[in-house]
Amino acid sequence: MIRHLAGKAFLTATRWKVTGPTPSPDDTRIFVGAPHTSGFDSVLMLAVAWNYDLRIRFLIKREITEGPFGAFWKAVGAIPVDRENPAGLIDELIHLANSGKGFQLVLTPEGTRKPVDYWKSGFYRLSLATGIPVMMVAPDKPTRTVTFAPPFTLTGDVRSDMDRIREFFADKRGIDPSRVREPRLRAEEDADAAAELTAETGT
């Protein structure tokens, strides 16, 4: 209740609204958050999640969760990542998905607030490997709107899937429109990267 009230108060005070098919807390989804152009993005997403009682999860280095504030990070949804055993992350997500309790994994595929030529493909790999649908989420400061797209299951056809993603993000300007770039994966243009992506996911 406290989180819900805090999220609602934040959105009201900052005059941000939410549109689109907002997920239920019981829905298991991979949120693809973009454009990621400001540190405010994270605060805004947390407020939206709390307002709708979502069970958001996010990835964090295992070393951080083993530190003095580890309990706090886990309490707010952190999933520790062992960089020496990335396959363990997929196993954990599959276990969570099969637990019967929904969650929403938030990923920012740009990986940085600076403009980038290519998105990181982690969201694509995780979605294909686990079967968890992706759901695009975008802030747009000029309209003070956070928009959710309908969830969809990736097909393994990278260019086709990315065309659908680009269509959604085409008019989303983020917090700092000057940093926005068109979503693109290296695998769309690099045959070796495409072969590696499909080989790892079995498509």
C-alpha atoms as a PDB file:
ATOM      1  CA  MET A   1       0.000   0.000   0.000  1.00  0.00           C
ATOM      2  CA  ILE A   2       2.824   2.416   0.878  1.00  0.00           C
ATOM      3  CA  ARG A   3       4.554   1.742  -2.443  1.00  0.00           C
ATOM      4  CA  HIS A   4       1.307   2.215  -4.341  1.00  0.00           C
ATOM      5  CA  LEU A   5       0.609   5.543  -2.651  1.00  0.00           C
ATOM      6  CA  ALA A   6       4.191   6.716  -3.183  1.00  0.00           C
ATOM      7  CA  GLY A   7       4.080   5.825  -6.897  1.00  0.00           C
ATOM      8  CA  LYS A   8       0.723   7.507  -7.386  1.00  0.00           C
ATOM      9  CA  ALA A   9       1.842  10.646  -5.521  1.00  0.00           C
ATOM     10  CA  PHE A  10       4.992  10.891  -7.647  1.00  0.00           C
ATOM     11  CA  LEU A  11       3.103  10.630 -10.933  1.00  0.00           C
ATOM     12  CA  THR A  12       0.538  13.174  -9.765  1.00  0.00           C
ATOM     13  CA  ALA A  13       3.175  15.636  -8.539  1.00  0.00           C
ATOM     14  CA  THR A  14       5.231  15.397 -11.727  1.00  0.00           C
ATOM     15  CA  ARG A  15       2.145  15.344 -13.986  1.00  0.00           C
ATOM     16  CA  TRP A  16       3.138  12.152 -15.822  1.00  0.00           C
ATOM     17  CA  LYS A  17       0.434   9.822 -17.124  1.00  0.00           C
ATOM     18  CA  VAL A  18       0.447   6.234 -18.359  1.00  0.00           C
ATOM     19  CA  THR A  19      -1.187   4.905 -21.522  1.00  0.00           C
ATOM     20  CA  GLY A  20      -1.423   1.562 -23.260  1.00  0.00           C
ATOM     21  CA  PRO A  21      -2.240  -1.952 -22.006  1.00  0.00           C
ATOM     22  CA  THR A  22      -0.735  -1.828 -18.525  1.00  0.00           C
ATOM     23  CA  PRO A  23       0.179  -5.351 -17.401  1.00  0.00           C
ATOM     24  CA  SER A  24      -1.196  -7.116 -14.368  1.00  0.00           C
ATOM     25  CA  PRO A  25       1.194  -7.935 -11.510  1.00  0.00           C
ATOM     26  CA  ASP A  26       0.606 -11.607 -12.351  1.00  0.00           C
ATOM     27  CA  ASP A  27       1.823 -11.210 -15.953  1.00  0.00           C
ATOM     28  CA  THR A  28       5.370 -12.373 -16.635  1.00  0.00           C
ATOM     29  CA  ARG A  29       6.977  -9.974 -19.105  1.00  0.00           C
ATOM     30  CA  ILE A  30      10.330  -8.608 -20.219  1.00  0.00           C
ATOM     31  CA  PHE A  31       9.996  -4.834 -20.264  1.00  0.00           C
ATOM     32  CA  VAL A  32      12.122  -3.256 -22.998  1.00  0.00           C
ATOM     33  CA  GLY A  33      12.614   0.278 -21.728  1.00  0.00           C
ATOM     34  CA  ALA A  34      13.710   2.973 -24.186  1.00  0.00           C
ATOM     35  CA  PRO A  35      14.757   5.612 -25.050  1.00  0.00           C
ATOM     36  CA  HIS A  36      17.086   5.560 -22.038  1.00  0.00           C
ATOM     37  CA  THR A  37      18.442   9.117 -22.042  1.00  0.00           C
ATOM     38  CA  SER A  38      18.354  10.213 -18.401  1.00  0.00           C
ATOM     39  CA  GLY A  39      18.725   8.964 -14.850  1.00  0.00           C
ATOM     40  CA  PHE A  40      15.140  10.103 -14.344  1.00  0.00           C
ATOM     41  CA  ASP A  41      14.036   7.112 -16.444  1.00  0.00           C
ATOM     42  CA  SER A  42      14.683   4.702 -13.571  1.00  0.00           C
ATOM     43  CA  VAL A  43      12.845   6.820 -11.016  1.00  0.00           C
ATOM     44  CA  LEU A  44       9.881   7.205 -13.355  1.00  0.00           C
ATOM     45  CA  MET A  45       9.722   3.466 -14.104  1.00  0.00           C
ATOM     46  CA  LEU A  46       9.827   2.654 -10.410  1.00  0.00           C
ATOM     47  CA  ALA A  47       6.955   5.087  -9.737  1.00  0.00           C
ATOM     48  CA  VAL A  48       4.883   3.542 -12.543  1.00  0.00           C
ATOM     49  CA  ALA A  49       5.599   0.030 -11.234  1.00  0.00           C
ATOM     50  CA  TRP A  50       4.625   0.933  -7.688  1.00  0.00           C
ATOM     51  CA  ASN A  51       1.484   2.747  -8.839  1.00  0.00           C
ATOM     52  CA  TYR A  52       0.292  -0.401 -10.643  1.00  0.00           C
ATOM     53  CA  ASP A  53       1.581  -2.825  -7.974  1.00  0.00           C
ATOM     54  CA  LEU A  54       3.890  -4.494 -10.484  1.00  0.00           C
ATOM     55  CA  ARG A  55       6.536  -6.997  -9.392  1.00  0.00           C
ATOM     56  CA  ILE A  56       9.458  -5.524 -11.272  1.00  0.00           C
ATOM     57  CA  ARG A  57      12.845  -7.210 -11.335  1.00  0.00           C
ATOM     58  CA  PHE A  58      16.127  -5.904 -12.681  1.00  0.00           C
ATOM     59  CA  LEU A  59      19.637  -7.261 -13.134  1.00  0.00           C
ATOM     60  CA  ILE A  60      22.533  -6.246 -10.927  1.00  0.00           C
ATOM     61  CA  LYS A  61      26.077  -7.509 -10.393  1.00  0.00           C
ATOM     62  CA  ARG A  62      26.182 -10.268  -7.778  1.00  0.00           C
ATOM     63  CA  GLU A  63      28.937  -8.440  -5.903  1.00  0.00           C
ATOM     64  CA  ILE A  64      26.563  -5.564  -5.144  1.00  0.00           C
ATOM     65  CA  THR A  65      23.923  -7.836  -3.612  1.00  0.00           C
ATOM     66  CA  GLU A  66      26.591  -9.401  -1.405  1.00  0.00           C
ATOM     67  CA  GLY A  67      27.577  -5.978  -0.034  1.00  0.00           C
ATOM     68  CA  PRO A  68      26.167  -4.057   2.944  1.00  0.00           C
ATOM     69  CA  PHE A  69      23.102  -2.947   0.980  1.00  0.00           C
ATOM     70  CA  GLY A  70      22.428  -6.339  -0.579  1.00  0.00           C
ATOM     71  CA  ALA A  71      19.209  -6.917   1.346  1.00  0.00           C
ATOM     72  CA  PHE A  72      17.843  -3.585   0.141  1.00  0.00           C
ATOM     73  CA  TRP A  73      18.571  -4.297  -3.518  1.00  0.00           C
ATOM     74  CA  LYS A  74      16.959  -7.722  -3.326  1.00  0.00           C
ATOM     75  CA  ALA A  75      13.921  -6.236  -1.567  1.00  0.00           C
ATOM     76  CA  VAL A  76      13.299  -3.803  -4.439  1.00  0.00           C
ATOM     77  CA  GLY A  77      13.617  -6.512  -7.107  1.00  0.00           C
ATOM     78  CA  ALA A  78      17.293  -7.029  -7.924  1.00  0.00           C
ATOM     79  CA  ILE A  79      18.353 -10.315  -9.534  1.00  0.00           C
ATOM     80  CA  PRO A  80      22.074 -11.016  -8.905  1.00  0.00           C
ATOM     81  CA  VAL A  81      24.030 -11.797 -12.067  1.00  0.00           C
ATOM     82  CA  ASP A  82      27.135 -13.980 -11.998  1.00  0.00           C
ATOM     83  CA  ARG A  83      29.152 -12.737 -14.956  1.00  0.00           C
ATOM     84  CA  GLU A  84      31.152 -15.975 -14.998  1.00  0.00           C
ATOM     85  CA  ASN A  85      27.988 -18.062 -15.351  1.00  0.00           C
ATOM     86  CA  PRO A  86      25.507 -16.178 -17.583  1.00  0.00           C
ATOM     87  CA  ALA A  87      23.613 -19.393 -18.327  1.00  0.00           C
ATOM     88  CA  GLY A  88      22.550 -19.426 -14.701  1.00  0.00           C
ATOM     89  CA  LEU A  89      20.499 -16.285 -15.324  1.00  0.00           C
ATOM     90  CA  ILE A  90      18.358 -18.015 -17.936  1.00  0.00           C
ATOM     91  CA  ASP A  91      17.815 -20.955 -15.588  1.00  0.00           C
ATOM     92  CA  GLU A  92      16.737 -18.573 -12.822  1.00  0.00           C
ATOM     93  CA  LEU A  93      14.318 -16.705 -15.086  1.00  0.00           C
ATOM     94  CA  ILE A  94      12.769 -19.960 -16.271  1.00  0.00           C
ATOM     95  CA  HIS A  95      12.397 -21.028 -12.638  1.00  0.00           C
ATOM     96  CA  LEU A  96      10.723 -17.715 -11.774  1.00  0.00           C
ATOM     97  CA  ALA A  97       8.431 -17.968 -14.797  1.00  0.00           C
ATOM     98  CA  ASN A  98       7.355 -21.460 -13.725  1.00  0.00           C
ATOM     99  CA  SER A  99       6.797 -20.463 -10.098  1.00  0.00           C
ATOM    100  CA  GLY A 100       3.242 -19.303 -10.768  1.00  0.00           C
ATOM    101  CA  LYS A 101       3.956 -15.793  -9.506  1.00  0.00           C
ATOM    102  CA  GLY A 102       4.300 -13.199 -12.242  1.00  0.00           C
ATOM    103  CA  PHE A 103       7.155 -10.727 -12.520  1.00  0.00           C
ATOM    104  CA  GLN A 104       8.305  -8.032 -14.919  1.00  0.00           C
ATOM    105  CA  LEU A 105      11.997  -7.909 -15.800  1.00  0.00           C
ATOM    106  CA  VAL A 106      13.065  -4.369 -16.742  1.00  0.00           C
ATOM    107  CA  LEU A 107      15.894  -4.090 -19.294  1.00  0.00           C
ATOM    108  CA  THR A 108      17.327  -1.007 -21.013  1.00  0.00           C
ATOM    109  CA  PRO A 109      18.950  -2.400 -24.173  1.00  0.00           C
ATOM    110  CA  GLU A 110      20.818   0.817 -24.982  1.00  0.00           C
ATOM    111  CA  GLY A 111      22.952   0.045 -21.931  1.00  0.00           C
ATOM    112  CA  THR A 112      23.865   3.708 -21.429  1.00  0.00           C
ATOM    113  CA  ARG A 113      22.260   7.135 -21.481  1.00  0.00           C
ATOM    114  CA  LYS A 114      24.558   8.210 -24.324  1.00  0.00           C
ATOM    115  CA  PRO A 115      23.484   7.710 -27.966  1.00  0.00           C
ATOM    116  CA  VAL A 116      24.498   4.277 -29.317  1.00  0.00           C
ATOM    117  CA  ASP A 117      24.504   2.780 -32.807  1.00  0.00           C
ATOM    118  CA  TYR A 118      23.311  -0.644 -31.655  1.00  0.00           C
ATOM    119  CA  TRP A 119      21.215  -1.992 -28.804  1.00  0.00           C
ATOM    120  CA  LYS A 120      22.553  -4.799 -26.643  1.00  0.00           C
ATOM    121  CA  SER A 121      20.882  -8.062 -27.623  1.00  0.00           C
ATOM    122  CA  GLY A 122      20.387  -9.397 -24.085  1.00  0.00           C
ATOM    123  CA  PHE A 123      16.648  -8.763 -24.050  1.00  0.00           C
ATOM    124  CA  TYR A 124      16.304 -10.686 -27.313  1.00  0.00           C
ATOM    125  CA  ARG A 125      18.395 -13.620 -26.125  1.00  0.00           C
ATOM    126  CA  LEU A 126      16.548 -13.887 -22.802  1.00  0.00           C
ATOM    127  CA  SER A 127      13.103 -13.672 -24.389  1.00  0.00           C
ATOM    128  CA  LEU A 128      13.835 -16.346 -26.993  1.00  0.00           C
ATOM    129  CA  ALA A 129      15.515 -18.643 -24.472  1.00  0.00           C
ATOM    130  CA  THR A 130      12.766 -18.396 -21.847  1.00  0.00           C
ATOM    131  CA  GLY A 131       9.678 -17.813 -24.000  1.00  0.00           C
ATOM    132  CA  ILE A 132       8.775 -14.735 -21.931  1.00  0.00           C
ATOM    133  CA  PRO A 133       6.980 -12.131 -24.097  1.00  0.00           C
ATOM    134  CA  VAL A 134       8.518  -8.694 -24.496  1.00  0.00           C
ATOM    135  CA  MET A 135       6.620  -5.509 -23.759  1.00  0.00           C
ATOM    136  CA  MET A 136       7.990  -2.153 -24.886  1.00  0.00           C
ATOM    137  CA  VAL A 137       7.797   0.775 -22.471  1.00  0.00           C
ATOM    138  CA  ALA A 138       8.672   4.326 -23.455  1.00  0.00           C
ATOM    139  CA  PRO A 139       8.762   7.722 -21.738  1.00  0.00           C
ATOM    140  CA  ASP A 140       8.002  10.822 -23.780  1.00  0.00           C
ATOM    141  CA  LYS A 141       8.774  14.056 -21.951  1.00  0.00           C
ATOM    142  CA  PRO A 142       7.084  16.469 -24.401  1.00  0.00           C
ATOM    143  CA  THR A 143       3.727  14.820 -23.598  1.00  0.00           C
ATOM    144  CA  ARG A 144       4.720  13.589 -20.101  1.00  0.00           C
ATOM    145  CA  THR A 145       3.470  10.151 -21.070  1.00  0.00           C
ATOM    146  CA  VAL A 146       4.759   6.641 -20.388  1.00  0.00           C
ATOM    147  CA  THR A 147       3.395   4.297 -23.044  1.00  0.00           C
ATOM    148  CA  PHE A 148       3.128   0.502 -22.832  1.00  0.00           C
ATOM    149  CA  ALA A 149       2.923  -1.539 -26.033  1.00  0.00           C
ATOM    150  CA  PRO A 150       0.956  -4.781 -26.227  1.00  0.00           C
ATOM    151  CA  PRO A 151       3.144  -7.793 -25.352  1.00  0.00           C
ATOM    152  CA  PHE A 152       4.395  -9.994 -28.147  1.00  0.00           C
ATOM    153  CA  THR A 153       6.470 -13.145 -28.467  1.00  0.00           C
ATOM    154  CA  LEU A 154       9.674 -12.838 -30.473  1.00  0.00           C
ATOM    155  CA  THR A 155       9.817 -14.993 -33.595  1.00  0.00           C
ATOM    156  CA  GLY A 156      13.572 -15.384 -34.084  1.00  0.00           C
ATOM    157  CA  ASP A 157      13.348 -13.347 -37.304  1.00  0.00           C
ATOM    158  CA  VAL A 158      15.529 -10.539 -35.962  1.00  0.00           C
ATOM    159  CA  ARG A 159      14.808  -7.943 -38.634  1.00  0.00           C
ATOM    160  CA  SER A 160      11.055  -8.539 -38.577  1.00  0.00           C
ATOM    161  CA  ASP A 161      10.932  -8.382 -34.781  1.00  0.00           C
ATOM    162  CA  MET A 162      13.035  -5.215 -34.737  1.00  0.00           C
ATOM    163  CA  ASP A 163      10.841  -3.593 -37.386  1.00  0.00           C
ATOM    164  CA  ARG A 164       7.923  -4.063 -35.020  1.00  0.00           C
ATOM    165  CA  ILE A 165       9.938  -2.615 -32.149  1.00  0.00           C
ATOM    166  CA  ARG A 166      11.076   0.350 -34.262  1.00  0.00           C
ATOM    167  CA  GLU A 167       7.501   1.094 -35.243  1.00  0.00           C
ATOM    168  CA  PHE A 168       6.513   1.465 -31.605  1.00  0.00           C
ATOM    169  CA  PHE A 169       9.480   3.636 -30.618  1.00  0.00           C
ATOM    170  CA  ALA A 170       9.410   5.826 -33.749  1.00  0.00           C
ATOM    171  CA  ASP A 171       7.572   8.729 -32.091  1.00  0.00           C
ATOM    172  CA  LYS A 172       8.884   8.285 -28.531  1.00  0.00           C
ATOM    173  CA  ARG A 173      11.312  11.069 -27.577  1.00  0.00           C
ATOM    174  CA  GLY A 174      12.472  10.065 -24.101  1.00  0.00           C
ATOM    175  CA  ILE A 175      13.516  12.573 -21.462  1.00  0.00           C
ATOM    176  CA  ASP A 176      16.275  14.081 -23.638  1.00  0.00           C
ATOM    177  CA  PRO A 177      15.217  13.897 -27.310  1.00  0.00           C
ATOM    178  CA  SER A 178      18.717  14.908 -28.480  1.00  0.00           C
ATOM    179  CA  ARG A 179      20.059  11.521 -27.346  1.00  0.00           C
ATOM    180  CA  VAL A 180      17.470   9.357 -29.076  1.00  0.00           C
ATOM    181  CA  ARG A 181      18.641   6.953 -31.810  1.00  0.00           C
ATOM    182  CA  GLU A 182      16.699   4.421 -33.881  1.00  0.00           C
ATOM    183  CA  PRO A 183      16.613   0.965 -32.246  1.00  0.00           C
ATOM    184  CA  ARG A 184      18.849  -1.471 -34.072  1.00  0.00           C
ATOM    185  CA  LEU A 185      20.662  -4.736 -33.320  1.00  0.00           C
ATOM    186  CA  ARG A 186      24.045  -5.540 -34.782  1.00  0.00           C
ATOM    187  CA  ALA A 187      22.624  -8.932 -35.796  1.00  0.00           C
ATOM    188  CA  GLU A 188      20.434  -7.188 -38.382  1.00  0.00           C
ATOM    189  CA  GLU A 189      23.515  -6.152 -40.360  1.00  0.00           C
ATOM    190  CA  ASP A 190      26.227  -8.597 -39.274  1.00  0.00           C
ATOM    191  CA  ALA A 191      25.791 -12.177 -40.448  1.00  0.00           C
ATOM    192  CA  ASP A 192      28.187 -13.538 -37.824  1.00  0.00           C
ATOM    193  CA  ALA A 193      26.316 -11.748 -35.020  1.00  0.00           C
ATOM    194  CA  ALA A 194      23.006 -13.060 -36.375  1.00  0.00           C
ATOM    195  CA  ALA A 195      24.335 -16.624 -36.553  1.00  0.00           C
ATOM    196  CA  GLU A 196      25.651 -16.376 -32.993  1.00  0.00           C
ATOM    197  CA  LEU A 197      22.338 -15.015 -31.707  1.00  0.00           C
ATOM    198  CA  THR A 198      20.218 -17.723 -33.335  1.00  0.00           C
ATOM    199  CA  ALA A 199      22.674 -20.476 -32.413  1.00  0.00           C
ATOM    200  CA  GLU A 200      22.591 -19.515 -28.727  1.00  0.00           C
ATOM    201  CA  THR A 201      18.817 -19.481 -28.636  1.00  0.00           C
ATOM    202  CA  GLY A 202      18.256 -22.548 -30.778  1.00  0.00           C
ATOM    203  CA  THR A 203      16.213 -20.786 -33.487  1.00  0.00           C
END
